[in-house]
Amino acid sequence: MKNFYLYIILVLSFLVIFYFGIGFYIANMILRIDHSCGVHEGSLPNTWVTKYDTKDIKNNKRILIREKFDAKKYHLDSWEEVKFLSRDSNIEISGWLFNYHKNMPIVIVVHGIFPNGKCKSEPNLIASLLIKNNINALTIDLRNYGESTIVGNYENLGLTEYLDVLGAFDFLQTIGFESSQIGLAGISLGASTVIFAASKEKKIKAIWSESSLAEFKMILDDEVKRYGFSNIFSFSVSLAGKLLTGIDPADLNPTYAISNHQNYFFTHGENDERIYLHHFLFIKDYAERNNINAEFWMIPEAGHVDSIFILTEEYGYKMKKFFLKNLRK
């Protein structure tokens, strides 16, 4: 009988170790940052290309979109390298300032998850489209990315990084922009980050969201399944994430941070396999039920952040219309 109980204890111990071990494995894979800009390391506003984006893409259609994209058409030859403090004052943020249009609004452009940064193609293209449409731009490296301060090895999912965006908001006011002239644009995880930033700073009236996740449980289940495991492991992944980062990933709920005192534009690809379309639909339903002033643009057959490369000029026009409507000129 003692051997039987010992056997049961050993089996249960193994299952517990296996359960939480899988949780730490997945959490580490999701959150451990590559501080570099990956294949875009060293790219500048007048040198970036999209052909290297295909390295981690398996879909041939998406590869072709980037291989055929004429990046040189959207290069910018004039910018200022700037440094300023995050609202977390121990952290210095690096940015590229494109201040082309006197007395016109400016948009802070925020990149997504690693490997990433202001050097990547998407922030550079968005900056170029804004400039083309008479809106200024500031692209930034969040903490732990690019030339900004490195403070850790794990991604905090925008739950602390929003302070870096607010540091950019403060900086722009020191060089002559009014708070009512400053908008935000976030890409993928950067979209969550700008939503959190705006929720803390009600003076920000215009927030552009490209391919945002909606809420924690949805994205957690999606990520666990992406690694080939059942969502019964979601709890262990969440706990591991909290232990690794010191923040509670369960707070990753940008949908519930949007306000009916601000203005939003949400865009998402129909065939997004990184952040699935159900996130976009969840946000849309919540916004409509809560009278949020938001516009929605779902791009048919587009994958993750593909729309900017597929419908580039239309994308720029929609940004122009949205920001000039909601920011003071």
Protein backbone atom coordinates (compact mmCIF):
# COMPACT_ATOMS: atom_id res chain seq x y z
CA MET A 1 0.00 0.00 0.00
CA LYS A 2 2.89 2.37 0.81
CA ASN A 3 4.34 1.73 -2.62
CA PHE A 4 0.98 2.56 -4.17
CA TYR A 5 0.77 5.92 -2.38
CA LEU A 6 4.37 6.66 -3.24
CA TYR A 7 3.58 5.92 -6.87
CA ILE A 8 0.57 8.29 -6.77
CA ILE A 9 2.67 11.05 -5.18
CA LEU A 10 5.38 10.62 -7.82
CA VAL A 11 2.86 10.72 -10.65
CA LEU A 12 1.15 13.82 -9.25
CA SER A 13 4.52 15.51 -8.70
CA PHE A 14 5.51 14.76 -12.27
CA LEU A 15 2.22 16.17 -13.58
CA VAL A 16 2.58 19.37 -11.53
CA ILE A 17 6.19 19.85 -12.68
CA PHE A 18 5.20 19.13 -16.27
CA TYR A 19 2.21 21.52 -16.12
CA PHE A 20 4.15 24.45 -14.72
CA GLY A 21 7.24 23.60 -16.74
CA ILE A 22 5.23 23.92 -19.95
CA GLY A 23 3.85 27.22 -18.64
CA PHE A 24 7.35 28.62 -18.08
CA TYR A 25 8.53 27.34 -21.45
CA ILE A 26 5.69 29.07 -23.34
CA ALA A 27 5.87 32.26 -21.26
CA ASN A 28 9.61 32.50 -21.84
CA MET A 29 9.16 31.99 -25.59
CA ILE A 30 6.45 34.66 -25.77
CA LEU A 31 8.03 37.28 -23.52
CA ARG A 32 11.83 37.01 -23.73
CA ILE A 33 12.93 40.01 -25.80
CA ASP A 34 15.28 40.10 -28.73
CA HIS A 35 16.53 43.66 -28.16
CA SER A 36 17.63 44.04 -31.77
CA CYS A 37 15.60 45.07 -34.79
CA GLY A 38 16.19 41.66 -36.36
CA VAL A 39 16.74 41.75 -40.12
CA HIS A 40 16.12 45.51 -40.03
CA GLU A 41 18.99 46.25 -37.66
CA GLY A 42 20.69 49.42 -38.87
CA SER A 43 17.87 50.47 -41.21
CA LEU A 44 17.18 54.20 -41.51
CA PRO A 45 14.26 56.23 -42.86
CA ASN A 46 16.05 56.43 -46.21
CA THR A 47 17.39 52.85 -46.40
CA TRP A 48 14.66 50.50 -45.09
CA VAL A 49 13.31 47.75 -47.33
CA THR A 50 10.59 45.11 -47.05
CA LYS A 51 12.19 42.17 -48.85
CA TYR A 52 13.83 40.94 -45.63
CA ASP A 53 10.44 40.85 -43.87
CA THR A 54 9.80 37.55 -45.65
CA LYS A 55 12.31 35.69 -43.45
CA ASP A 56 9.67 34.70 -40.88
CA ILE A 57 6.65 34.55 -43.21
CA LYS A 58 5.45 31.21 -44.60
CA ASN A 59 2.48 32.43 -46.65
CA ASN A 60 3.58 32.88 -50.28
CA LYS A 61 1.02 35.61 -50.94
CA ARG A 62 2.30 37.67 -48.02
CA ILE A 63 5.90 37.12 -49.11
CA LEU A 64 5.10 38.35 -52.62
CA ILE A 65 3.45 41.51 -51.27
CA ARG A 66 6.67 42.49 -49.52
CA GLU A 67 9.03 41.38 -52.27
CA LYS A 68 7.19 43.57 -54.77
CA PHE A 69 6.78 46.60 -52.51
CA ASP A 70 8.69 49.68 -53.71
CA ALA A 71 10.09 50.97 -50.41
CA LYS A 72 12.30 53.60 -52.05
CA LYS A 73 9.18 55.47 -53.10
CA TYR A 74 8.49 56.13 -49.41
CA HIS A 75 11.98 56.91 -48.13
CA LEU A 76 12.45 60.10 -46.11
CA ASP A 77 15.79 61.89 -46.31
CA SER A 78 15.34 64.40 -43.52
CA TRP A 79 14.85 63.59 -39.84
CA GLU A 80 16.24 64.53 -36.44
CA GLU A 81 17.52 62.00 -33.92
CA VAL A 82 16.04 62.90 -30.53
CA LYS A 83 16.35 61.60 -26.97
CA PHE A 84 13.97 62.26 -24.11
CA LEU A 85 12.85 60.74 -20.83
CA SER A 86 9.99 58.31 -20.43
CA ARG A 87 7.52 59.27 -17.72
CA ASP A 88 9.41 56.54 -15.95
CA SER A 89 12.27 59.00 -15.49
CA ASN A 90 15.06 56.42 -15.25
CA ILE A 91 14.49 55.45 -18.87
CA GLU A 92 15.70 57.36 -21.93
CA ILE A 93 13.76 56.95 -25.16
CA SER A 94 15.23 57.28 -28.65
CA GLY A 95 13.20 58.73 -31.49
CA TRP A 96 13.28 59.98 -35.06
CA LEU A 97 11.48 63.29 -35.42
CA PHE A 98 9.99 64.17 -38.82
CA ASN A 99 8.95 67.78 -38.32
CA TYR A 100 8.15 68.78 -41.90
CA HIS A 101 4.92 70.82 -41.68
CA LYS A 102 4.78 73.98 -39.62
CA ASN A 103 1.65 74.43 -37.47
CA MET A 104 0.34 70.96 -38.39
CA PRO A 105 -0.39 68.02 -36.05
CA ILE A 106 2.07 65.27 -35.20
CA VAL A 107 1.58 61.54 -34.58
CA ILE A 108 3.72 59.33 -32.32
CA VAL A 109 4.24 55.99 -34.09
CA VAL A 110 4.78 52.95 -31.85
CA HIS A 111 6.19 49.62 -33.04
CA GLY A 112 5.14 46.08 -32.10
CA ILE A 113 6.74 43.12 -30.36
CA PHE A 114 10.35 41.96 -30.84
CA PRO A 115 12.42 41.94 -32.93
CA ASN A 116 11.24 45.43 -33.73
CA GLY A 117 11.80 49.14 -33.33
CA LYS A 118 11.61 52.42 -35.21
CA CYS A 119 14.02 50.90 -37.77
CA LYS A 120 11.41 48.39 -39.01
CA SER A 121 9.51 48.88 -42.26
CA GLU A 122 6.03 49.47 -40.79
CA PRO A 123 6.85 52.50 -38.56
CA ASN A 124 8.93 54.00 -41.36
CA LEU A 125 6.15 53.58 -43.90
CA ILE A 126 3.51 55.01 -41.58
CA ALA A 127 5.77 58.02 -40.89
CA SER A 128 6.23 58.51 -44.63
CA LEU A 129 2.48 58.36 -45.30
CA LEU A 130 1.82 60.89 -42.54
CA ILE A 131 4.42 63.28 -43.96
CA LYS A 132 2.98 62.86 -47.45
CA ASN A 133 -0.42 63.84 -46.07
CA ASN A 134 0.79 66.99 -44.26
CA ILE A 135 1.05 65.47 -40.79
CA ASN A 136 4.31 65.33 -38.83
CA ALA A 137 5.60 62.15 -37.20
CA LEU A 138 7.76 60.90 -34.34
CA THR A 139 8.80 57.23 -34.41
CA ILE A 140 10.23 55.79 -31.19
CA ASP A 141 12.01 52.79 -29.73
CA LEU A 142 10.18 51.63 -26.62
CA ARG A 143 12.29 50.62 -23.60
CA ASN A 144 14.28 47.43 -24.23
CA TYR A 145 14.35 48.13 -27.95
CA GLY A 146 16.83 49.73 -30.31
CA GLU A 147 18.61 52.78 -28.92
CA SER A 148 16.36 53.27 -25.90
CA THR A 149 17.34 52.19 -22.37
CA ILE A 150 17.51 48.44 -21.79
CA VAL A 151 16.00 47.66 -18.39
CA GLY A 152 15.14 43.97 -18.68
CA ASN A 153 14.94 40.87 -20.82
CA TYR A 154 11.17 40.39 -20.86
CA GLU A 155 8.34 42.13 -22.67
CA ASN A 156 5.86 43.89 -20.38
CA LEU A 157 3.17 43.95 -23.09
CA GLY A 158 2.63 47.71 -23.02
CA LEU A 159 1.69 47.69 -19.33
CA THR A 160 4.78 49.73 -18.43
CA GLU A 161 5.86 50.81 -21.92
CA TYR A 162 2.88 53.16 -22.19
CA LEU A 163 4.95 55.50 -19.97
CA ASP A 164 7.48 55.76 -22.82
CA VAL A 165 4.72 56.93 -25.16
CA LEU A 166 3.65 59.52 -22.60
CA GLY A 167 7.28 60.63 -22.36
CA ALA A 168 7.14 61.26 -26.11
CA PHE A 169 3.88 63.18 -25.63
CA ASP A 170 5.56 65.38 -22.99
CA PHE A 171 8.66 65.89 -25.14
CA LEU A 172 6.67 67.11 -28.14
CA GLN A 173 5.07 69.79 -25.99
CA THR A 174 8.53 71.06 -25.00
CA ILE A 175 9.40 71.69 -28.67
CA GLY A 176 6.26 73.63 -29.51
CA PHE A 177 3.39 71.22 -30.17
CA GLU A 178 0.13 71.69 -28.26
CA SER A 179 -1.37 68.63 -26.55
CA SER A 180 -4.37 68.93 -28.87
CA GLN A 181 -2.06 68.53 -31.88
CA ILE A 182 -0.59 65.18 -30.80
CA GLY A 183 -2.04 61.83 -31.89
CA LEU A 184 -0.93 58.22 -31.46
CA ALA A 185 -0.55 55.32 -33.89
CA GLY A 186 0.30 51.81 -32.69
CA ILE A 187 1.17 48.70 -34.66
CA SER A 188 0.20 45.24 -33.34
CA LEU A 189 1.28 45.12 -29.66
CA GLY A 190 2.12 48.82 -30.08
CA ALA A 191 -1.60 49.40 -30.61
CA SER A 192 -2.31 48.12 -27.09
CA THR A 193 0.48 50.33 -25.79
CA VAL A 194 -0.95 53.52 -27.31
CA ILE A 195 -4.44 52.66 -26.06
CA PHE A 196 -3.06 52.31 -22.52
CA ALA A 197 -1.15 55.58 -22.90
CA ALA A 198 -4.24 57.45 -24.06
CA SER A 199 -6.29 56.00 -21.20
CA LYS A 200 -3.87 57.71 -18.78
CA GLU A 201 -3.74 61.00 -20.69
CA LYS A 202 -7.19 62.25 -21.63
CA LYS A 203 -5.72 65.19 -23.57
CA ILE A 204 -4.84 62.72 -26.32
CA LYS A 205 -7.84 62.75 -28.64
CA ALA A 206 -6.87 60.62 -31.65
CA ILE A 207 -5.60 57.01 -31.47
CA TRP A 208 -4.93 54.86 -34.55
CA SER A 209 -4.81 51.10 -33.87
CA GLU A 210 -3.30 48.70 -36.42
CA SER A 211 -4.01 45.00 -35.66
CA SER A 212 -4.59 45.29 -31.92
CA LEU A 213 -5.35 42.39 -29.61
CA ALA A 214 -8.58 42.74 -27.65
CA GLU A 215 -8.20 41.18 -24.22
CA PHE A 216 -5.96 38.92 -22.19
CA LYS A 217 -7.81 35.61 -22.13
CA MET A 218 -8.32 35.65 -25.89
CA ILE A 219 -4.69 36.33 -26.74
CA LEU A 220 -3.42 33.93 -24.06
CA ASP A 221 -5.50 31.05 -25.44
CA ASP A 222 -4.41 31.95 -28.98
CA GLU A 223 -0.73 31.93 -28.00
CA VAL A 224 -0.91 28.65 -26.06
CA LYS A 225 -2.56 26.96 -29.03
CA ARG A 226 0.06 28.49 -31.35
CA TYR A 227 2.68 26.48 -29.47
CA GLY A 228 0.63 23.31 -29.89
CA PHE A 229 -0.77 22.99 -26.38
CA SER A 230 -4.29 22.90 -24.94
CA ASN A 231 -5.61 26.02 -23.24
CA ILE A 232 -5.62 24.07 -19.95
CA PHE A 233 -2.04 25.39 -19.79
CA SER A 234 -3.22 29.02 -19.93
CA PHE A 235 -3.15 29.42 -16.14
CA SER A 236 0.43 28.17 -15.84
CA VAL A 237 1.55 30.44 -18.69
CA SER A 238 -0.11 33.44 -17.05
CA LEU A 239 1.47 32.68 -13.68
CA ALA A 240 4.89 32.17 -15.26
CA GLY A 241 4.52 35.47 -17.13
CA LYS A 242 3.81 37.26 -13.89
CA LEU A 243 6.86 35.72 -12.20
CA LEU A 244 9.17 36.44 -15.14
CA THR A 245 8.15 40.06 -15.69
CA GLY A 246 6.88 41.32 -12.34
CA ILE A 247 3.71 42.61 -13.99
CA ASP A 248 0.35 40.88 -14.15
CA PRO A 249 -0.31 39.96 -17.81
CA ALA A 250 -3.97 39.54 -16.93
CA ASP A 251 -4.13 43.36 -17.08
CA LEU A 252 -3.56 43.19 -20.84
CA ASN A 253 -7.08 44.32 -21.76
CA PRO A 254 -6.87 47.25 -24.19
CA THR A 255 -10.54 46.94 -25.11
CA TYR A 256 -11.60 47.96 -21.62
CA ALA A 257 -9.17 50.91 -21.67
CA ILE A 258 -10.85 52.71 -24.57
CA SER A 259 -12.83 55.80 -23.65
CA ASN A 260 -15.95 57.50 -24.96
CA HIS A 261 -14.12 60.84 -24.53
CA GLN A 262 -11.53 60.01 -27.20
CA ASN A 263 -11.48 59.04 -30.87
CA TYR A 264 -10.20 55.77 -32.33
CA PHE A 265 -9.59 54.15 -35.68
CA PHE A 266 -9.19 50.34 -35.70
CA THR A 267 -7.88 48.47 -38.72
CA HIS A 268 -7.25 44.73 -39.08
CA GLY A 269 -6.60 42.13 -41.76
CA GLU A 270 -9.33 39.55 -42.36
CA ASN A 271 -6.80 36.69 -42.58
CA ASP A 272 -4.53 37.80 -39.74
CA GLU A 273 -2.92 34.68 -38.28
CA ARG A 274 -0.85 36.52 -35.66
CA ILE A 275 -3.68 38.38 -33.95
CA TYR A 276 -6.85 36.73 -35.17
CA LEU A 277 -9.82 38.67 -36.51
CA HIS A 278 -11.95 37.80 -33.48
CA HIS A 279 -9.98 40.45 -31.55
CA PHE A 280 -11.06 43.14 -34.01
CA LEU A 281 -14.69 41.95 -33.84
CA PHE A 282 -14.59 41.89 -30.03
CA ILE A 283 -13.34 45.50 -29.90
CA LYS A 284 -15.93 46.57 -32.48
CA ASP A 285 -18.78 45.00 -30.53
CA TYR A 286 -17.58 46.58 -27.26
CA ALA A 287 -17.19 50.00 -28.86
CA GLU A 288 -20.65 49.91 -30.41
CA ARG A 289 -22.29 48.80 -27.15
CA ASN A 290 -20.52 51.53 -25.16
CA ASN A 291 -20.93 54.45 -27.57
CA ILE A 292 -17.20 54.75 -28.23
CA ASN A 293 -16.33 57.18 -31.01
CA ALA A 294 -14.50 54.70 -33.22
CA GLU A 295 -14.13 53.83 -36.88
CA PHE A 296 -13.39 50.32 -38.15
CA TRP A 297 -11.70 49.11 -41.32
CA MET A 298 -11.37 45.38 -41.96
CA ILE A 299 -9.21 44.62 -45.01
CA PRO A 300 -10.41 41.51 -46.92
CA GLU A 301 -7.88 38.68 -47.34
CA ALA A 302 -5.08 40.66 -45.67
CA GLY A 303 -2.72 39.04 -43.17
CA HIS A 304 -1.05 40.61 -40.14
CA VAL A 305 -0.21 44.28 -40.84
CA ASP A 306 -0.48 43.59 -44.59
CA SER A 307 -2.92 46.38 -45.37
CA ILE A 308 -0.27 49.09 -45.19
CA PHE A 309 1.59 47.37 -48.03
CA ILE A 310 -1.48 46.34 -50.04
CA LEU A 311 -3.54 49.55 -49.88
CA THR A 312 -0.76 51.99 -49.11
CA GLU A 313 -2.21 55.19 -50.56
CA GLU A 314 -5.70 54.49 -49.22
CA TYR A 315 -4.16 53.76 -45.83
CA GLY A 316 -2.42 57.14 -45.88
CA TYR A 317 -5.59 58.93 -46.93
CA LYS A 318 -7.60 57.34 -44.11
CA MET A 319 -4.96 58.37 -41.58
CA LYS A 320 -5.01 61.91 -42.95
CA LYS A 321 -8.79 62.11 -42.74
CA PHE A 322 -8.89 60.69 -39.20
CA PHE A 323 -6.08 62.73 -37.66
CA LEU A 324 -6.96 66.05 -39.31
CA LYS A 325 -10.55 65.58 -38.15
CA ASN A 326 -9.60 64.94 -34.53
CA LEU A 327 -6.42 66.96 -33.98
CA ARG A 328 -6.08 70.73 -33.91
CA LYS A 329 -4.29 72.28 -36.88
